[in-house]
C-alpha atoms as a PDB file:
ATOM      1  CA  MET A   1      47.499 113.639 128.072  1.00  0.00           C
ATOM      2  CA  LYS A   2      50.043 113.425 125.215  1.00  0.00           C
ATOM      3  CA  PRO A   3      53.409 111.778 126.634  1.00  0.00           C
ATOM      4  CA  TYR A   4      56.490 113.664 126.454  1.00  0.00           C
ATOM      5  CA  SER A   5      59.152 112.558 123.933  1.00  0.00           C
ATOM      6  CA  PHE A   6      61.961 114.975 125.031  1.00  0.00           C
ATOM      7  CA  CYS A   7      62.927 116.121 128.440  1.00  0.00           C
ATOM      8  CA  PRO A   8      61.643 119.508 129.268  1.00  0.00           C
ATOM      9  CA  ILE A   9      64.664 120.201 131.528  1.00  0.00           C
ATOM     10  CA  CYS A  10      67.562 119.531 129.030  1.00  0.00           C
ATOM     11  CA  GLY A  11      65.885 118.388 125.826  1.00  0.00           C
ATOM     12  CA  ALA A  12      67.378 115.045 125.508  1.00  0.00           C
ATOM     13  CA  SER A  13      65.336 112.000 124.209  1.00  0.00           C
ATOM     14  CA  LEU A  14      63.264 110.269 126.909  1.00  0.00           C
ATOM     15  CA  SER A  15      63.643 106.655 127.702  1.00  0.00           C
ATOM     16  CA  ASN A  16      61.409 103.966 129.333  1.00  0.00           C
ATOM     17  CA  ALA A  17      62.402 102.351 132.463  1.00  0.00           C
ATOM     18  CA  SER A  18      60.705 100.875 135.651  1.00  0.00           C
ATOM     19  CA  ILE A  19      61.030 103.502 138.303  1.00  0.00           C
ATOM     20  CA  ASP A  20      59.326 103.008 141.759  1.00  0.00           C
ATOM     21  CA  GLY A  21      57.706  99.875 140.696  1.00  0.00           C
ATOM     22  CA  ARG A  22      56.043 101.665 137.429  1.00  0.00           C
ATOM     23  CA  GLU A  23      56.978 102.111 133.841  1.00  0.00           C
ATOM     24  CA  ARG A  24      57.825 105.719 133.469  1.00  0.00           C
ATOM     25  CA  MET A  25      59.611 108.002 130.919  1.00  0.00           C
ATOM     26  CA  TYR A  26      62.796 109.433 132.259  1.00  0.00           C
ATOM     27  CA  CYS A  27      65.795 111.414 131.021  1.00  0.00           C
ATOM     28  CA  PRO A  28      69.019 109.440 130.788  1.00  0.00           C
ATOM     29  CA  LEU A  29      71.183 112.499 130.888  1.00  0.00           C
ATOM     30  CA  CYS A  30      69.689 114.792 133.701  1.00  0.00           C
ATOM     31  CA  LYS A  31      67.537 111.951 135.433  1.00  0.00           C
ATOM     32  CA  TRP A  32      64.215 113.879 135.148  1.00  0.00           C
ATOM     33  CA  VAL A  33      61.408 111.443 135.843  1.00  0.00           C
ATOM     34  CA  HIS A  34      57.967 112.079 134.128  1.00  0.00           C
ATOM     35  CA  TYR A  35      55.367 111.410 136.850  1.00  0.00           C
ATOM     36  CA  ILE A  36      51.856 111.459 135.553  1.00  0.00           C
ATOM     37  CA  ASN A  37      49.805 112.816 138.432  1.00  0.00           C
ATOM     38  CA  PRO A  38      45.870 113.224 138.311  1.00  0.00           C
ATOM     39  CA  LEU A  39      44.365 116.600 137.790  1.00  0.00           C
ATOM     40  CA  PRO A  40      42.123 117.940 140.513  1.00  0.00           C
ATOM     41  CA  VAL A  41      38.505 118.404 140.067  1.00  0.00           C
ATOM     42  CA  ALA A  42      35.873 119.940 142.511  1.00  0.00           C
ATOM     43  CA  ILE A  43      32.129 119.012 141.893  1.00  0.00           C
ATOM     44  CA  ALA A  44      29.286 120.638 143.782  1.00  0.00           C
ATOM     45  CA  PHE A  45      26.332 118.829 144.884  1.00  0.00           C
ATOM     46  CA  ALA A  46      24.398 122.114 145.387  1.00  0.00           C
ATOM     47  CA  VAL A  47      20.844 122.102 147.055  1.00  0.00           C
ATOM     48  CA  ASN A  48      18.334 125.076 147.589  1.00  0.00           C
ATOM     49  CA  SER A  49      16.316 125.758 150.683  1.00  0.00           C
ATOM     50  CA  ASN A  50      13.905 123.069 149.591  1.00  0.00           C
ATOM     51  CA  ASN A  51      16.708 120.457 149.172  1.00  0.00           C
ATOM     52  CA  GLU A  52      16.278 120.439 145.408  1.00  0.00           C
ATOM     53  CA  LEU A  53      19.312 119.401 143.721  1.00  0.00           C
ATOM     54  CA  LEU A  54      20.841 121.678 141.072  1.00  0.00           C
ATOM     55  CA  VAL A  55      21.790 119.879 137.785  1.00  0.00           C
ATOM     56  CA  VAL A  56      23.168 121.558 134.650  1.00  0.00           C
ATOM     57  CA  ARG A  57      23.378 120.663 130.852  1.00  0.00           C
ATOM     58  CA  ARG A  58      26.680 120.820 129.559  1.00  0.00           C
ATOM     59  CA  ALA A  59      27.765 122.789 126.461  1.00  0.00           C
ATOM     60  CA  HIS A  60      31.245 121.387 126.026  1.00  0.00           C
ATOM     61  CA  GLU A  61      33.020 117.937 126.065  1.00  0.00           C
ATOM     62  CA  PRO A  62      33.453 115.594 127.960  1.00  0.00           C
ATOM     63  CA  ALA A  63      29.753 114.742 128.278  1.00  0.00           C
ATOM     64  CA  PHE A  64      28.513 117.319 125.614  1.00  0.00           C
ATOM     65  CA  ASN A  65      24.725 117.961 126.125  1.00  0.00           C
ATOM     66  CA  GLU A  66      24.625 115.571 129.194  1.00  0.00           C
ATOM     67  CA  TRP A  67      22.867 116.550 132.477  1.00  0.00           C
ATOM     68  CA  ALA A  68      25.522 116.814 135.193  1.00  0.00           C
ATOM     69  CA  LEU A  69      26.661 118.279 138.516  1.00  0.00           C
ATOM     70  CA  PRO A  70      28.426 121.497 138.588  1.00  0.00           C
ATOM     71  CA  GLY A  71      32.181 121.629 138.650  1.00  0.00           C
ATOM     72  CA  GLY A  72      35.538 121.803 137.005  1.00  0.00           C
ATOM     73  CA  PHE A  73      39.383 121.902 137.639  1.00  0.00           C
ATOM     74  CA  LEU A  74      40.960 123.361 140.548  1.00  0.00           C
ATOM     75  CA  GLU A  75      43.523 126.280 139.853  1.00  0.00           C
ATOM     76  CA  ALA A  76      47.092 126.214 141.229  1.00  0.00           C
ATOM     77  CA  GLY A  77      47.254 127.259 144.921  1.00  0.00           C
ATOM     78  CA  GLU A  78      43.484 126.987 145.410  1.00  0.00           C
ATOM     79  CA  GLU A  79      41.895 125.055 148.103  1.00  0.00           C
ATOM     80  CA  PRO A  80      39.204 122.334 147.014  1.00  0.00           C
ATOM     81  CA  HIS A  81      36.415 123.848 148.711  1.00  0.00           C
ATOM     82  CA  ASP A  82      37.180 127.278 147.283  1.00  0.00           C
ATOM     83  CA  GLY A  83      37.557 126.003 143.734  1.00  0.00           C
ATOM     84  CA  CYS A  84      34.234 124.107 144.139  1.00  0.00           C
ATOM     85  CA  LEU A  85      32.457 127.456 145.028  1.00  0.00           C
ATOM     86  CA  ARG A  86      34.347 129.249 142.167  1.00  0.00           C
ATOM     87  CA  GLU A  87      33.280 127.021 139.638  1.00  0.00           C
ATOM     88  CA  LEU A  88      29.569 126.857 140.894  1.00  0.00           C
ATOM     89  CA  MET A  89      29.661 130.821 140.621  1.00  0.00           C
ATOM     90  CA  GLU A  90      31.476 130.733 137.142  1.00  0.00           C
ATOM     91  CA  GLU A  91      28.999 128.323 135.762  1.00  0.00           C
ATOM     92  CA  THR A  92      25.735 129.681 137.344  1.00  0.00           C
ATOM     93  CA  SER A  93      26.347 132.747 139.076  1.00  0.00           C
ATOM     94  CA  LEU A  94      25.208 130.942 142.279  1.00  0.00           C
ATOM     95  CA  SER A  95      26.835 131.471 145.531  1.00  0.00           C
ATOM     96  CA  GLY A  96      26.702 129.486 148.560  1.00  0.00           C
ATOM     97  CA  LYS A  97      28.542 127.535 151.620  1.00  0.00           C
ATOM     98  CA  VAL A  98      30.188 124.182 151.498  1.00  0.00           C
ATOM     99  CA  GLU A  99      28.255 122.097 154.367  1.00  0.00           C
ATOM    100  CA  ARG A 100      30.416 119.096 154.007  1.00  0.00           C
ATOM    101  CA  LEU A 101      32.612 116.494 152.115  1.00  0.00           C
ATOM    102  CA  ILE A 102      30.825 113.973 150.116  1.00  0.00           C
ATOM    103  CA  GLY A 103      33.812 112.061 148.953  1.00  0.00           C
ATOM    104  CA  LEU A 104      37.157 111.669 147.025  1.00  0.00           C
ATOM    105  CA  TYR A 105      37.031 109.749 143.497  1.00  0.00           C
ATOM    106  CA  HIS A 106      39.676 108.690 140.893  1.00  0.00           C
ATOM    107  CA  ARG A 107      38.546 108.423 137.378  1.00  0.00           C
ATOM    108  CA  GLU A 108      40.343 107.891 134.038  1.00  0.00           C
ATOM    109  CA  VAL A 109      38.664 109.844 131.214  1.00  0.00           C
ATOM    110  CA  GLU A 110      39.912 109.793 127.661  1.00  0.00           C
ATOM    111  CA  LEU A 111      40.044 113.689 127.124  1.00  0.00           C
ATOM    112  CA  TYR A 112      42.159 114.605 130.333  1.00  0.00           C
ATOM    113  CA  GLY A 113      43.724 111.119 131.703  1.00  0.00           C
ATOM    114  CA  SER A 114      43.716 110.650 135.402  1.00  0.00           C
ATOM    115  CA  LEU A 115      41.385 112.810 137.620  1.00  0.00           C
ATOM    116  CA  LEU A 116      41.164 113.032 141.253  1.00  0.00           C
ATOM    117  CA  VAL A 117      37.370 114.281 142.017  1.00  0.00           C
ATOM    118  CA  VAL A 118      36.584 116.100 145.316  1.00  0.00           C
ATOM    119  CA  ALA A 119      32.992 116.373 145.873  1.00  0.00           C
ATOM    120  CA  TYR A 120      31.087 118.636 148.232  1.00  0.00           C
ATOM    121  CA  MET A 121      27.565 119.366 149.427  1.00  0.00           C
ATOM    122  CA  VAL A 122      26.795 123.187 148.733  1.00  0.00           C
ATOM    123  CA  ARG A 123      23.743 125.024 150.265  1.00  0.00           C
ATOM    124  CA  VAL A 124      23.160 127.834 147.897  1.00  0.00           C
ATOM    125  CA  ASP A 125      22.185 131.298 149.041  1.00  0.00           C
ATOM    126  CA  HIS A 126      19.661 132.070 146.364  1.00  0.00           C
ATOM    127  CA  GLU A 127      18.147 130.431 143.092  1.00  0.00           C
ATOM    128  CA  GLU A 128      18.966 133.053 140.420  1.00  0.00           C
ATOM    129  CA  ILE A 129      20.856 131.417 137.909  1.00  0.00           C
ATOM    130  CA  SER A 130      22.881 132.875 134.950  1.00  0.00           C
ATOM    131  CA  LEU A 131      24.547 130.452 132.776  1.00  0.00           C
ATOM    132  CA  ASN A 132      28.168 130.939 131.202  1.00  0.00           C
ATOM    133  CA  HIS A 133      29.242 129.528 128.047  1.00  0.00           C
ATOM    134  CA  GLU A 134      29.915 126.212 129.446  1.00  0.00           C
ATOM    135  CA  LEU A 135      26.245 125.172 130.004  1.00  0.00           C
ATOM    136  CA  PHE A 136      23.046 124.923 127.905  1.00  0.00           C
ATOM    137  CA  ASP A 137      20.737 124.878 130.955  1.00  0.00           C
ATOM    138  CA  ALA A 138      20.495 124.477 134.572  1.00  0.00           C
ATOM    139  CA  GLY A 139      17.670 124.275 137.324  1.00  0.00           C
ATOM    140  CA  PHE A 140      16.833 122.871 140.727  1.00  0.00           C
ATOM    141  CA  TYR A 141      14.799 119.644 140.695  1.00  0.00           C
ATOM    142  CA  PRO A 142      13.500 117.478 143.300  1.00  0.00           C
ATOM    143  CA  ARG A 143      14.904 113.883 142.903  1.00  0.00           C
ATOM    144  CA  GLU A 144      11.729 112.522 141.204  1.00  0.00           C
ATOM    145  CA  LEU A 145      11.563 115.212 138.586  1.00  0.00           C
ATOM    146  CA  MET A 146      15.449 115.468 137.825  1.00  0.00           C
ATOM    147  CA  PRO A 147      16.546 115.052 134.210  1.00  0.00           C
ATOM    148  CA  PRO A 148      18.414 111.815 133.580  1.00  0.00           C
ATOM    149  CA  ILE A 149      21.902 111.895 134.536  1.00  0.00           C
ATOM    150  CA  ARG A 150      24.172 109.403 132.686  1.00  0.00           C
ATOM    151  CA  ILE A 151      27.525 110.455 134.022  1.00  0.00           C
ATOM    152  CA  PRO A 152      28.422 107.306 136.333  1.00  0.00           C
ATOM    153  CA  LEU A 153      30.653 109.361 138.742  1.00  0.00           C
ATOM    154  CA  HIS A 154      27.842 112.126 138.960  1.00  0.00           C
ATOM    155  CA  ASN A 155      25.209 109.509 139.717  1.00  0.00           C
ATOM    156  CA  ARG A 156      27.745 107.778 142.480  1.00  0.00           C
ATOM    157  CA  ILE A 157      28.121 111.297 144.131  1.00  0.00           C
ATOM    158  CA  ILE A 158      24.267 111.784 144.279  1.00  0.00           C
ATOM    159  CA  SER A 159      23.985 108.392 145.904  1.00  0.00           C
ATOM    160  CA  ASP A 160      26.769 108.864 148.326  1.00  0.00           C
ATOM    161  CA  ALA A 161      25.359 112.481 149.320  1.00  0.00           C
ATOM    162  CA  ASP A 162      21.906 110.836 149.725  1.00  0.00           C
ATOM    163  CA  SER A 163      23.193 108.249 151.916  1.00  0.00           C
ATOM    164  CA  LEU A 164      24.947 110.757 154.355  1.00  0.00           C
END
């Protein structure tokens, strides 16, 4: 995330100061403080009736051309479980039901900065996949035949889900 140089409220140049025990940018005129908060992301650990896992091959950065779990950014006013199901539908045309929370994770990524990731186990209603522009490929795989997933967080979510 590109840092602010000017106050979005009054337009004054921002200064750096220790506020609440952290170095933050703030406006010396109107006292606005730039708090850098994580972006919320929902990830679906989606399984079919045979407990095969849905994995997708990404067509955009980050992790271009890598196999991953489906997911994306939550929208304003959206419940995390609803955002998880929306992202699954947008990317693959799959619908389903959230069965449980797998976990909450924090990650720092170069492209977006701080992320708060919410991962859910989802049981899909059907297996008819239709890809959107964000993906090259997708499919359900038994664990032993799954394409390699090299995104560390996605591997952790898979491991955490399997241990529940």
